[in-house]
Amino acid sequence: MDQVPAQINHTLPRTADRLYLVLSEPPAEGWAADTVRGVFGVHVVWSTTDGWGGEEKEIALGAGNSPVAPAL
């Protein structure tokens, strides 16, 4: 499954340091984000009512520069 990041990186002008899947709401299943990261090598972040969720949200959004999540 390491081909997914390789296929995405192939379309970019330079290789990405990390890849993120951005969701409009938390995953329906608690295990889903870890599974996507483990299988595809893609981190998952999501919008919440008071900001953002996900294991690497600060890195994905830029530490100290996290935008406010849209109102739901």
N, C-alpha and C. Protein backbone atom coordinates (compact mmCIF):
# COMPACT_ATOMS: atom_id res chain seq x y z
N MET A 1 0.80 -1.20 0.00
CA MET A 1 0.00 0.00 0.00
C MET A 1 0.84 1.26 0.00
N ASP A 2 2.15 1.13 0.08
CA ASP A 2 3.02 2.30 0.02
C ASP A 2 2.93 3.00 -1.32
N GLN A 3 2.21 2.42 -2.26
CA GLN A 3 2.09 3.02 -3.58
C GLN A 3 1.24 4.28 -3.55
N VAL A 4 0.30 4.40 -2.62
CA VAL A 4 -0.57 5.58 -2.59
C VAL A 4 0.24 6.85 -2.41
N PRO A 5 1.09 6.98 -1.36
CA PRO A 5 1.91 8.19 -1.26
C PRO A 5 2.82 8.37 -2.47
N ALA A 6 3.36 7.30 -3.00
CA ALA A 6 4.23 7.41 -4.17
C ALA A 6 3.46 7.94 -5.37
N GLN A 7 2.23 7.49 -5.56
CA GLN A 7 1.41 7.98 -6.68
C GLN A 7 1.05 9.44 -6.49
N ILE A 8 0.74 9.86 -5.29
CA ILE A 8 0.43 11.26 -5.03
C ILE A 8 1.67 12.10 -5.24
N ASN A 9 2.79 11.68 -4.66
CA ASN A 9 4.03 12.44 -4.80
C ASN A 9 4.47 12.56 -6.25
N HIS A 10 4.13 11.60 -7.07
CA HIS A 10 4.48 11.63 -8.49
C HIS A 10 3.84 12.84 -9.18
N THR A 11 2.70 13.31 -8.68
CA THR A 11 1.99 14.43 -9.29
C THR A 11 2.48 15.79 -8.77
N LEU A 12 3.32 15.80 -7.76
CA LEU A 12 3.78 17.03 -7.14
C LEU A 12 5.13 17.47 -7.69
N PRO A 13 5.41 18.79 -7.65
CA PRO A 13 6.70 19.27 -8.15
C PRO A 13 7.88 18.78 -7.29
N ARG A 14 7.62 18.50 -6.01
CA ARG A 14 8.64 17.89 -5.13
C ARG A 14 7.92 16.98 -4.16
N THR A 15 8.63 16.04 -3.58
CA THR A 15 8.05 15.07 -2.66
C THR A 15 7.54 15.75 -1.40
N ALA A 16 6.34 15.42 -1.00
CA ALA A 16 5.74 15.98 0.22
C ALA A 16 6.39 15.34 1.45
N ASP A 17 6.55 16.14 2.51
CA ASP A 17 7.08 15.62 3.77
C ASP A 17 6.05 14.71 4.44
N ARG A 18 4.78 15.10 4.35
CA ARG A 18 3.67 14.34 4.91
C ARG A 18 2.45 14.54 4.02
N LEU A 19 1.55 13.58 4.07
CA LEU A 19 0.29 13.70 3.35
C LEU A 19 -0.85 13.65 4.35
N TYR A 20 -1.88 14.46 4.13
CA TYR A 20 -3.02 14.54 5.04
C TYR A 20 -4.32 14.38 4.28
N LEU A 21 -5.26 13.71 4.91
CA LEU A 21 -6.63 13.64 4.47
C LEU A 21 -7.40 14.54 5.43
N VAL A 22 -8.09 15.56 4.91
CA VAL A 22 -8.81 16.51 5.74
C VAL A 22 -10.30 16.19 5.64
N LEU A 23 -10.91 15.92 6.80
CA LEU A 23 -12.33 15.58 6.86
C LEU A 23 -13.13 16.76 7.41
N SER A 24 -14.38 16.86 7.02
CA SER A 24 -15.24 17.93 7.50
C SER A 24 -15.81 17.65 8.89
N GLU A 25 -15.63 16.43 9.38
CA GLU A 25 -16.11 16.04 10.70
C GLU A 25 -15.26 14.86 11.19
N PRO A 26 -15.33 14.53 12.47
CA PRO A 26 -14.55 13.39 12.98
C PRO A 26 -14.92 12.09 12.25
N PRO A 27 -13.96 11.18 12.14
CA PRO A 27 -14.28 9.89 11.51
C PRO A 27 -15.40 9.18 12.28
N ALA A 28 -16.22 8.45 11.57
CA ALA A 28 -17.34 7.74 12.19
C ALA A 28 -16.87 6.65 13.15
N GLU A 29 -15.73 6.06 12.86
CA GLU A 29 -15.17 4.99 13.70
C GLU A 29 -13.87 5.47 14.32
N GLY A 30 -13.69 5.25 15.61
CA GLY A 30 -12.50 5.70 16.31
C GLY A 30 -11.19 5.16 15.77
N TRP A 31 -11.21 3.98 15.19
CA TRP A 31 -9.99 3.34 14.69
C TRP A 31 -9.62 3.80 13.29
N ALA A 32 -10.49 4.51 12.60
CA ALA A 32 -10.32 4.81 11.18
C ALA A 32 -9.07 5.64 10.88
N ALA A 33 -8.81 6.69 11.63
CA ALA A 33 -7.66 7.56 11.35
C ALA A 33 -6.36 6.79 11.48
N ASP A 34 -6.22 5.99 12.54
CA ASP A 34 -5.01 5.19 12.73
C ASP A 34 -4.84 4.17 11.61
N THR A 35 -5.94 3.60 11.16
CA THR A 35 -5.89 2.61 10.08
C THR A 35 -5.46 3.26 8.77
N VAL A 36 -6.02 4.41 8.45
CA VAL A 36 -5.63 5.11 7.21
C VAL A 36 -4.14 5.45 7.25
N ARG A 37 -3.67 5.94 8.39
CA ARG A 37 -2.24 6.27 8.53
C ARG A 37 -1.38 5.01 8.41
N GLY A 38 -1.80 3.95 9.08
CA GLY A 38 -1.01 2.73 9.07
C GLY A 38 -0.97 2.04 7.72
N VAL A 39 -2.08 2.01 7.02
CA VAL A 39 -2.16 1.30 5.74
C VAL A 39 -1.66 2.15 4.59
N PHE A 40 -2.06 3.43 4.56
CA PHE A 40 -1.74 4.27 3.41
C PHE A 40 -0.63 5.29 3.66
N GLY A 41 -0.23 5.46 4.92
CA GLY A 41 0.81 6.45 5.23
C GLY A 41 0.30 7.88 5.11
N VAL A 42 -1.01 8.07 5.26
CA VAL A 42 -1.63 9.40 5.15
C VAL A 42 -2.24 9.75 6.50
N HIS A 43 -1.88 10.91 7.04
CA HIS A 43 -2.42 11.36 8.33
C HIS A 43 -3.83 11.92 8.11
N VAL A 44 -4.67 11.84 9.13
CA VAL A 44 -6.05 12.31 9.03
C VAL A 44 -6.28 13.40 10.06
N VAL A 45 -6.83 14.54 9.62
CA VAL A 45 -7.26 15.62 10.51
C VAL A 45 -8.70 15.94 10.16
N TRP A 46 -9.43 16.53 11.12
CA TRP A 46 -10.83 16.82 10.88
C TRP A 46 -11.27 18.07 11.62
N SER A 47 -12.30 18.67 11.08
CA SER A 47 -12.91 19.85 11.67
C SER A 47 -13.78 19.43 12.86
N THR A 48 -13.74 20.24 13.92
CA THR A 48 -14.61 20.02 15.08
C THR A 48 -15.36 21.32 15.33
N THR A 49 -16.28 21.31 16.25
CA THR A 49 -17.05 22.52 16.55
C THR A 49 -16.19 23.62 17.16
N ASP A 50 -15.04 23.27 17.76
CA ASP A 50 -14.20 24.28 18.39
C ASP A 50 -12.77 24.32 17.84
N GLY A 51 -12.55 23.77 16.66
CA GLY A 51 -11.21 23.80 16.07
C GLY A 51 -10.97 22.61 15.16
N TRP A 52 -9.90 21.90 15.45
CA TRP A 52 -9.49 20.77 14.61
C TRP A 52 -9.10 19.59 15.47
N GLY A 53 -9.24 18.38 14.94
CA GLY A 53 -8.85 17.16 15.63
C GLY A 53 -7.92 16.36 14.76
N GLY A 54 -7.24 15.42 15.37
CA GLY A 54 -6.31 14.55 14.66
C GLY A 54 -4.96 14.55 15.34
N GLU A 55 -4.22 13.48 15.13
CA GLU A 55 -2.96 13.29 15.83
C GLU A 55 -1.93 14.37 15.52
N GLU A 56 -1.84 14.82 14.29
CA GLU A 56 -0.83 15.81 13.91
C GLU A 56 -1.44 17.10 13.42
N LYS A 57 -2.52 17.52 14.06
CA LYS A 57 -3.23 18.71 13.59
C LYS A 57 -2.37 19.96 13.62
N GLU A 58 -1.50 20.11 14.63
CA GLU A 58 -0.66 21.30 14.72
C GLU A 58 0.33 21.36 13.55
N ILE A 59 0.87 20.22 13.18
CA ILE A 59 1.80 20.17 12.05
C ILE A 59 1.05 20.40 10.74
N ALA A 60 -0.09 19.75 10.59
CA ALA A 60 -0.86 19.87 9.35
C ALA A 60 -1.30 21.31 9.11
N LEU A 61 -1.69 22.00 10.17
CA LEU A 61 -2.23 23.35 10.02
C LEU A 61 -1.20 24.44 10.26
N GLY A 62 -0.01 24.05 10.64
CA GLY A 62 1.03 25.04 10.93
C GLY A 62 0.95 25.45 12.40
N ALA A 63 1.90 25.03 13.19
CA ALA A 63 1.89 25.30 14.64
C ALA A 63 1.68 26.78 14.91
N GLY A 64 0.68 27.08 15.73
CA GLY A 64 0.38 28.46 16.09
C GLY A 64 -0.42 29.23 15.05
N ASN A 65 -0.70 28.60 13.91
CA ASN A 65 -1.43 29.27 12.85
C ASN A 65 -2.68 28.51 12.47
N SER A 66 -3.24 27.76 13.42
CA SER A 66 -4.41 26.93 13.12
C SER A 66 -5.62 27.80 12.80
N PRO A 67 -6.21 27.61 11.62
CA PRO A 67 -7.41 28.36 11.30
C PRO A 67 -8.60 27.86 12.13
N VAL A 68 -9.57 28.70 12.29
CA VAL A 68 -10.77 28.32 13.01
C VAL A 68 -11.62 27.44 12.10
N ALA A 69 -12.14 26.38 12.66
CA ALA A 69 -12.99 25.47 11.90
C ALA A 69 -14.27 26.18 11.50
N PRO A 70 -14.81 25.85 10.34
CA PRO A 70 -16.06 26.47 9.92
C PRO A 70 -17.21 26.08 10.86
N ALA A 71 -18.17 26.97 11.00
CA ALA A 71 -19.34 26.66 11.83
C ALA A 71 -20.12 25.52 11.19
N LEU A 72 -20.57 24.59 12.01
CA LEU A 72 -21.34 23.45 11.50
C LEU A 72 -22.81 23.68 11.60
